Amino acid sequence: MNLSDFFDIALIITSIALIGSVILQNKGVGLGGLTGADSSSVFTARRGIEKTLFWITIGLSGLFFILTILAVVVS
């Protein structure tokens, strides 16, 4: 197992976690949100777990970007 395989596996795990964190942010949207329907146009402040999930999503997207650049450089 070489370094390229490590980055590929890390990218798969990070992408699955990123997809999960984005899906979890759509609380109370239902299936209408998947089709693009706007079910809520009122902005609310993020508090508690929503704020934590928001920062986790930002961290995962940064990690995904860095891993992608490293995977390209290594290969």
PDB file of N, CA and C in Angstrom:
ATOM      1  N   MET A   1       0.858  -1.180   0.000  1.00  0.00           N
ATOM      2  CA  MET A   1       0.000   0.000   0.000  1.00  0.00           C
ATOM      3  C   MET A   1       0.901   1.238   0.000  1.00  0.00           C
ATOM      4  N   ASN A   2       0.753   2.045  -1.028  1.00  0.00           N
ATOM      5  CA  ASN A   2       1.592   3.231  -1.138  1.00  0.00           C
ATOM      6  C   ASN A   2       0.830   4.480  -0.692  1.00  0.00           C
ATOM      7  N   LEU A   3       1.492   5.609  -0.785  1.00  0.00           N
ATOM      8  CA  LEU A   3       0.926   6.869  -0.293  1.00  0.00           C
ATOM      9  C   LEU A   3      -0.298   7.291  -1.105  1.00  0.00           C
ATOM     10  N   SER A   4      -0.319   6.981  -2.375  1.00  0.00           N
ATOM     11  CA  SER A   4      -1.458   7.330  -3.219  1.00  0.00           C
ATOM     12  C   SER A   4      -2.726   6.597  -2.765  1.00  0.00           C
ATOM     13  N   ASP A   5      -2.574   5.330  -2.380  1.00  0.00           N
ATOM     14  CA  ASP A   5      -3.718   4.572  -1.874  1.00  0.00           C
ATOM     15  C   ASP A   5      -4.248   5.167  -0.566  1.00  0.00           C
ATOM     16  N   PHE A   6      -3.340   5.623   0.286  1.00  0.00           N
ATOM     17  CA  PHE A   6      -3.741   6.260   1.534  1.00  0.00           C
ATOM     18  C   PHE A   6      -4.592   7.499   1.274  1.00  0.00           C
ATOM     19  N   PHE A   7      -4.147   8.341   0.319  1.00  0.00           N
ATOM     20  CA  PHE A   7      -4.909   9.544   0.007  1.00  0.00           C
ATOM     21  C   PHE A   7      -6.263   9.213  -0.620  1.00  0.00           C
ATOM     22  N   ASP A   8      -6.320   8.165  -1.440  1.00  0.00           N
ATOM     23  CA  ASP A   8      -7.598   7.757  -2.030  1.00  0.00           C
ATOM     24  C   ASP A   8      -8.592   7.308  -0.961  1.00  0.00           C
ATOM     25  N   ILE A   9      -8.127   6.521  -0.016  1.00  0.00           N
ATOM     26  CA  ILE A   9      -9.000   6.055   1.061  1.00  0.00           C
ATOM     27  C   ILE A   9      -9.435   7.220   1.948  1.00  0.00           C
ATOM     28  N   ALA A  10      -8.496   8.120   2.249  1.00  0.00           N
ATOM     29  CA  ALA A  10      -8.824   9.292   3.069  1.00  0.00           C
ATOM     30  C   ALA A  10      -9.830  10.188   2.356  1.00  0.00           C
ATOM     31  N   LEU A  11      -9.722  10.319   1.043  1.00  0.00           N
ATOM     32  CA  LEU A  11     -10.677  11.123   0.283  1.00  0.00           C
ATOM     33  C   LEU A  11     -12.064  10.501   0.295  1.00  0.00           C
ATOM     34  N   ILE A  12     -12.148   9.193   0.198  1.00  0.00           N
ATOM     35  CA  ILE A  12     -13.449   8.522   0.234  1.00  0.00           C
ATOM     36  C   ILE A  12     -14.115   8.715   1.587  1.00  0.00           C
ATOM     37  N   ILE A  13     -13.363   8.523   2.654  1.00  0.00           N
ATOM     38  CA  ILE A  13     -13.923   8.685   4.001  1.00  0.00           C
ATOM     39  C   ILE A  13     -14.339  10.131   4.243  1.00  0.00           C
ATOM     40  N   THR A  14     -13.507  11.087   3.826  1.00  0.00           N
ATOM     41  CA  THR A  14     -13.834  12.500   4.010  1.00  0.00           C
ATOM     42  C   THR A  14     -15.056  12.901   3.194  1.00  0.00           C
ATOM     43  N   SER A  15     -15.164  12.395   1.979  1.00  0.00           N
ATOM     44  CA  SER A  15     -16.312  12.764   1.151  1.00  0.00           C
ATOM     45  C   SER A  15     -17.610  12.209   1.713  1.00  0.00           C
ATOM     46  N   ILE A  16     -17.587  10.996   2.257  1.00  0.00           N
ATOM     47  CA  ILE A  16     -18.794  10.436   2.868  1.00  0.00           C
ATOM     48  C   ILE A  16     -19.193  11.244   4.098  1.00  0.00           C
ATOM     49  N   ALA A  17     -18.205  11.626   4.916  1.00  0.00           N
ATOM     50  CA  ALA A  17     -18.499  12.445   6.098  1.00  0.00           C
ATOM     51  C   ALA A  17     -19.017  13.822   5.699  1.00  0.00           C
ATOM     52  N   LEU A  18     -18.471  14.397   4.642  1.00  0.00           N
ATOM     53  CA  LEU A  18     -18.922  15.707   4.162  1.00  0.00           C
ATOM     54  C   LEU A  18     -20.349  15.641   3.636  1.00  0.00           C
ATOM     55  N   ILE A  19     -20.674  14.613   2.896  1.00  0.00           N
ATOM     56  CA  ILE A  19     -22.037  14.433   2.400  1.00  0.00           C
ATOM     57  C   ILE A  19     -23.008  14.287   3.565  1.00  0.00           C
ATOM     58  N   GLY A  20     -22.624  13.490   4.566  1.00  0.00           N
ATOM     59  CA  GLY A  20     -23.476  13.314   5.740  1.00  0.00           C
ATOM     60  C   GLY A  20     -23.694  14.605   6.508  1.00  0.00           C
ATOM     61  N   SER A  21     -22.642  15.407   6.661  1.00  0.00           N
ATOM     62  CA  SER A  21     -22.804  16.657   7.405  1.00  0.00           C
ATOM     63  C   SER A  21     -23.666  17.663   6.653  1.00  0.00           C
ATOM     64  N   VAL A  22     -23.578  17.675   5.337  1.00  0.00           N
ATOM     65  CA  VAL A  22     -24.430  18.585   4.556  1.00  0.00           C
ATOM     66  C   VAL A  22     -25.891  18.139   4.627  1.00  0.00           C
ATOM     67  N   ILE A  23     -26.130  16.851   4.548  1.00  0.00           N
ATOM     68  CA  ILE A  23     -27.505  16.348   4.621  1.00  0.00           C
ATOM     69  C   ILE A  23     -28.111  16.622   5.993  1.00  0.00           C
ATOM     70  N   LEU A  24     -27.325  16.475   7.052  1.00  0.00           N
ATOM     71  CA  LEU A  24     -27.837  16.724   8.399  1.00  0.00           C
ATOM     72  C   LEU A  24     -28.173  18.188   8.646  1.00  0.00           C
ATOM     73  N   GLN A  25     -27.599  19.096   7.876  1.00  0.00           N
ATOM     74  CA  GLN A  25     -27.898  20.513   8.062  1.00  0.00           C
ATOM     75  C   GLN A  25     -29.277  20.885   7.570  1.00  0.00           C
ATOM     76  N   ASN A  26     -29.864  20.093   6.706  1.00  0.00           N
ATOM     77  CA  ASN A  26     -31.191  20.379   6.158  1.00  0.00           C
ATOM     78  C   ASN A  26     -32.278  19.842   7.066  1.00  0.00           C
ATOM     79  N   LYS A  27     -32.335  20.335   8.292  1.00  0.00           N
ATOM     80  CA  LYS A  27     -33.338  19.832   9.233  1.00  0.00           C
ATOM     81  C   LYS A  27     -34.714  20.399   8.893  1.00  0.00           C
ATOM     82  N   GLY A  28     -35.713  19.566   8.959  1.00  0.00           N
ATOM     83  CA  GLY A  28     -37.081  19.996   8.748  1.00  0.00           C
ATOM     84  C   GLY A  28     -37.430  20.373   7.325  1.00  0.00           C
ATOM     85  N   VAL A  29     -36.571  20.078   6.377  1.00  0.00           N
ATOM     86  CA  VAL A  29     -36.839  20.455   5.002  1.00  0.00           C
ATOM     87  C   VAL A  29     -37.750  19.438   4.338  1.00  0.00           C
ATOM     88  N   GLY A  30     -37.528  18.178   4.625  1.00  0.00           N
ATOM     89  CA  GLY A  30     -38.326  17.137   3.995  1.00  0.00           C
ATOM     90  C   GLY A  30     -37.870  16.878   2.573  1.00  0.00           C
ATOM     91  N   LEU A  31     -38.676  16.176   1.823  1.00  0.00           N
ATOM     92  CA  LEU A  31     -38.305  15.833   0.455  1.00  0.00           C
ATOM     93  C   LEU A  31     -38.439  17.004  -0.500  1.00  0.00           C
ATOM     94  N   GLY A  32     -39.174  18.030  -0.119  1.00  0.00           N
ATOM     95  CA  GLY A  32     -39.300  19.206  -0.972  1.00  0.00           C
ATOM     96  C   GLY A  32     -37.981  19.923  -1.160  1.00  0.00           C
ATOM     97  N   GLY A  33     -37.095  19.865  -0.178  1.00  0.00           N
ATOM     98  CA  GLY A  33     -35.798  20.505  -0.289  1.00  0.00           C
ATOM     99  C   GLY A  33     -34.891  19.834  -1.295  1.00  0.00           C
ATOM    100  N   LEU A  34     -35.114  18.554  -1.548  1.00  0.00           N
ATOM    101  CA  LEU A  34     -34.289  17.849  -2.520  1.00  0.00           C
ATOM    102  C   LEU A  34     -34.577  18.291  -3.946  1.00  0.00           C
ATOM    103  N   THR A  35     -35.798  18.743  -4.205  1.00  0.00           N
ATOM    104  CA  THR A  35     -36.165  19.176  -5.542  1.00  0.00           C
ATOM    105  C   THR A  35     -35.922  20.658  -5.759  1.00  0.00           C
ATOM    106  N   GLY A  36     -35.491  21.355  -4.726  1.00  0.00           N
ATOM    107  CA  GLY A  36     -35.203  22.773  -4.874  1.00  0.00           C
ATOM    108  C   GLY A  36     -36.316  23.674  -4.382  1.00  0.00           C
ATOM    109  N   ALA A  37     -37.366  23.115  -3.842  1.00  0.00           N
ATOM    110  CA  ALA A  37     -38.462  23.935  -3.336  1.00  0.00           C
ATOM    111  C   ALA A  37     -38.003  24.682  -2.087  1.00  0.00           C
ATOM    112  N   ASP A  38     -38.373  25.948  -2.001  1.00  0.00           N
ATOM    113  CA  ASP A  38     -37.979  26.760  -0.852  1.00  0.00           C
ATOM    114  C   ASP A  38     -39.058  26.637   0.212  1.00  0.00           C
ATOM    115  N   SER A  39     -38.748  25.889   1.273  1.00  0.00           N
ATOM    116  CA  SER A  39     -39.749  25.671   2.308  1.00  0.00           C
ATOM    117  C   SER A  39     -39.637  26.692   3.433  1.00  0.00           C
ATOM    118  N   SER A  40     -38.535  27.439   3.487  1.00  0.00           N
ATOM    119  CA  SER A  40     -38.342  28.404   4.552  1.00  0.00           C
ATOM    120  C   SER A  40     -37.488  29.545   4.041  1.00  0.00           C
ATOM    121  N   SER A  41     -38.021  30.755   4.099  1.00  0.00           N
ATOM    122  CA  SER A  41     -37.251  31.899   3.644  1.00  0.00           C
ATOM    123  C   SER A  41     -36.835  32.796   4.801  1.00  0.00           C
ATOM    124  N   VAL A  42     -37.036  32.333   6.028  1.00  0.00           N
ATOM    125  CA  VAL A  42     -36.681  33.114   7.207  1.00  0.00           C
ATOM    126  C   VAL A  42     -35.310  32.667   7.694  1.00  0.00           C
ATOM    127  N   PHE A  43     -34.405  33.637   7.891  1.00  0.00           N
ATOM    128  CA  PHE A  43     -33.062  33.318   8.378  1.00  0.00           C
ATOM    129  C   PHE A  43     -33.091  33.206   9.892  1.00  0.00           C
ATOM    130  N   THR A  44     -32.510  32.135  10.402  1.00  0.00           N
ATOM    131  CA  THR A  44     -32.401  31.978  11.847  1.00  0.00           C
ATOM    132  C   THR A  44     -30.937  31.794  12.212  1.00  0.00           C
ATOM    133  N   ALA A  45     -30.564  32.239  13.382  1.00  0.00           N
ATOM    134  CA  ALA A  45     -29.176  32.110  13.832  1.00  0.00           C
ATOM    135  C   ALA A  45     -28.876  30.656  14.184  1.00  0.00           C
ATOM    136  N   ARG A  46     -27.664  30.257  13.920  1.00  0.00           N
ATOM    137  CA  ARG A  46     -27.246  28.897  14.266  1.00  0.00           C
ATOM    138  C   ARG A  46     -26.850  28.878  15.732  1.00  0.00           C
ATOM    139  N   ARG A  47     -27.368  27.907  16.446  1.00  0.00           N
ATOM    140  CA  ARG A  47     -27.040  27.776  17.859  1.00  0.00           C
ATOM    141  C   ARG A  47     -26.845  26.312  18.187  1.00  0.00           C
ATOM    142  N   GLY A  48     -26.021  26.059  19.176  1.00  0.00           N
ATOM    143  CA  GLY A  48     -25.839  24.706  19.678  1.00  0.00           C
ATOM    144  C   GLY A  48     -25.268  23.764  18.651  1.00  0.00           C
ATOM    145  N   ILE A  49     -25.984  22.671  18.437  1.00  0.00           N
ATOM    146  CA  ILE A  49     -25.495  21.618  17.546  1.00  0.00           C
ATOM    147  C   ILE A  49     -25.472  22.078  16.094  1.00  0.00           C
ATOM    148  N   GLU A  50     -26.370  22.987  15.710  1.00  0.00           N
ATOM    149  CA  GLU A  50     -26.362  23.497  14.335  1.00  0.00           C
ATOM    150  C   GLU A  50     -25.069  24.251  14.041  1.00  0.00           C
ATOM    151  N   LYS A  51     -24.627  25.053  15.004  1.00  0.00           N
ATOM    152  CA  LYS A  51     -23.389  25.809  14.828  1.00  0.00           C
ATOM    153  C   LYS A  51     -22.188  24.869  14.769  1.00  0.00           C
ATOM    154  N   THR A  52     -22.183  23.853  15.632  1.00  0.00           N
ATOM    155  CA  THR A  52     -21.101  22.873  15.628  1.00  0.00           C
ATOM    156  C   THR A  52     -21.065  22.112  14.310  1.00  0.00           C
ATOM    157  N   LEU A  53     -22.215  21.694  13.823  1.00  0.00           N
ATOM    158  CA  LEU A  53     -22.292  20.973  12.558  1.00  0.00           C
ATOM    159  C   LEU A  53     -21.847  21.854  11.395  1.00  0.00           C
ATOM    160  N   PHE A  54     -22.167  23.127  11.463  1.00  0.00           N
ATOM    161  CA  PHE A  54     -21.741  24.088  10.445  1.00  0.00           C
ATOM    162  C   PHE A  54     -20.217  24.160  10.382  1.00  0.00           C
ATOM    163  N   TRP A  55     -19.565  24.260  11.547  1.00  0.00           N
ATOM    164  CA  TRP A  55     -18.099  24.352  11.584  1.00  0.00           C
ATOM    165  C   TRP A  55     -17.448  23.025  11.212  1.00  0.00           C
ATOM    166  N   ILE A  56     -18.082  21.916  11.553  1.00  0.00           N
ATOM    167  CA  ILE A  56     -17.567  20.606  11.134  1.00  0.00           C
ATOM    168  C   ILE A  56     -17.595  20.486   9.614  1.00  0.00           C
ATOM    169  N   THR A  57     -18.671  20.970   8.997  1.00  0.00           N
ATOM    170  CA  THR A  57     -18.791  20.934   7.540  1.00  0.00           C
ATOM    171  C   THR A  57     -17.708  21.776   6.884  1.00  0.00           C
ATOM    172  N   ILE A  58     -17.437  22.951   7.444  1.00  0.00           N
ATOM    173  CA  ILE A  58     -16.379  23.801   6.897  1.00  0.00           C
ATOM    174  C   ILE A  58     -15.021  23.115   7.045  1.00  0.00           C
ATOM    175  N   GLY A  59     -14.772  22.504   8.190  1.00  0.00           N
ATOM    176  CA  GLY A  59     -13.513  21.791   8.401  1.00  0.00           C
ATOM    177  C   GLY A  59     -13.343  20.615   7.455  1.00  0.00           C
ATOM    178  N   LEU A  60     -14.427  19.861   7.260  1.00  0.00           N
ATOM    179  CA  LEU A  60     -14.363  18.716   6.348  1.00  0.00           C
ATOM    180  C   LEU A  60     -14.128  19.158   4.909  1.00  0.00           C
ATOM    181  N   SER A  61     -14.724  20.276   4.514  1.00  0.00           N
ATOM    182  CA  SER A  61     -14.512  20.754   3.145  1.00  0.00           C
ATOM    183  C   SER A  61     -13.070  21.233   2.962  1.00  0.00           C
ATOM    184  N   GLY A  62     -12.497  21.864   3.976  1.00  0.00           N
ATOM    185  CA  GLY A  62     -11.096  22.254   3.903  1.00  0.00           C
ATOM    186  C   GLY A  62     -10.177  21.049   3.834  1.00  0.00           C
ATOM    187  N   LEU A  63     -10.465  20.039   4.661  1.00  0.00           N
ATOM    188  CA  LEU A  63      -9.683  18.799   4.647  1.00  0.00           C
ATOM    189  C   LEU A  63      -9.787  18.108   3.295  1.00  0.00           C
ATOM    190  N   PHE A  64     -10.984  18.085   2.717  1.00  0.00           N
ATOM    191  CA  PHE A  64     -11.182  17.475   1.403  1.00  0.00           C
ATOM    192  C   PHE A  64     -10.360  18.195   0.344  1.00  0.00           C
ATOM    193  N   PHE A  65     -10.353  19.516   0.398  1.00  0.00           N
ATOM    194  CA  PHE A  65      -9.579  20.310  -0.565  1.00  0.00           C
ATOM    195  C   PHE A  65      -8.091  20.018  -0.437  1.00  0.00           C
ATOM    196  N   ILE A  66      -7.578  20.003   0.789  1.00  0.00           N
ATOM    197  CA  ILE A  66      -6.161  19.742   1.012  1.00  0.00           C
ATOM    198  C   ILE A  66      -5.783  18.323   0.570  1.00  0.00           C
ATOM    199  N   LEU A  67      -6.616  17.335   0.916  1.00  0.00           N
ATOM    200  CA  LEU A  67      -6.333  15.953   0.503  1.00  0.00           C
ATOM    201  C   LEU A  67      -6.344  15.811  -1.009  1.00  0.00           C
ATOM    202  N   THR A  68      -7.227  16.532  -1.683  1.00  0.00           N
ATOM    203  CA  THR A  68      -7.294  16.466  -3.145  1.00  0.00           C
ATOM    204  C   THR A  68      -6.018  17.016  -3.757  1.00  0.00           C
ATOM    205  N   ILE A  69      -5.563  18.161  -3.250  1.00  0.00           N
ATOM    206  CA  ILE A  69      -4.320  18.756  -3.765  1.00  0.00           C
ATOM    207  C   ILE A  69      -3.136  17.812  -3.510  1.00  0.00           C
ATOM    208  N   LEU A  70      -3.061  17.234  -2.297  1.00  0.00           N
ATOM    209  CA  LEU A  70      -1.970  16.320  -1.979  1.00  0.00           C
ATOM    210  C   LEU A  70      -2.012  15.051  -2.845  1.00  0.00           C
ATOM    211  N   ALA A  71      -3.219  14.551  -3.122  1.00  0.00           N
ATOM    212  CA  ALA A  71      -3.345  13.353  -3.958  1.00  0.00           C
ATOM    213  C   ALA A  71      -2.861  13.619  -5.377  1.00  0.00           C
ATOM    214  N   VAL A  72      -3.127  14.821  -5.877  1.00  0.00           N
ATOM    215  CA  VAL A  72      -2.677  15.176  -7.234  1.00  0.00           C
ATOM    216  C   VAL A  72      -1.163  15.324  -7.256  1.00  0.00           C
ATOM    217  N   VAL A  73      -0.609  15.943  -6.227  1.00  0.00           N
ATOM    218  CA  VAL A  73       0.842  16.138  -6.182  1.00  0.00           C
ATOM    219  C   VAL A  73       1.573  14.813  -6.060  1.00  0.00           C
ATOM    220  N   VAL A  74       1.054  13.891  -5.233  1.00  0.00           N
ATOM    221  CA  VAL A  74       1.715  12.609  -5.018  1.00  0.00           C
ATOM    222  C   VAL A  74       1.650  11.749  -6.276  1.00  0.00           C
ATOM    223  N   SER A  75       0.523  11.783  -6.964  1.00  0.00           N
ATOM    224  CA  SER A  75       0.391  10.930  -8.161  1.00  0.00           C
ATOM    225  C   SER A  75       0.934  11.635  -9.364  1.00  0.00           C
TER     226      SER A  75
END
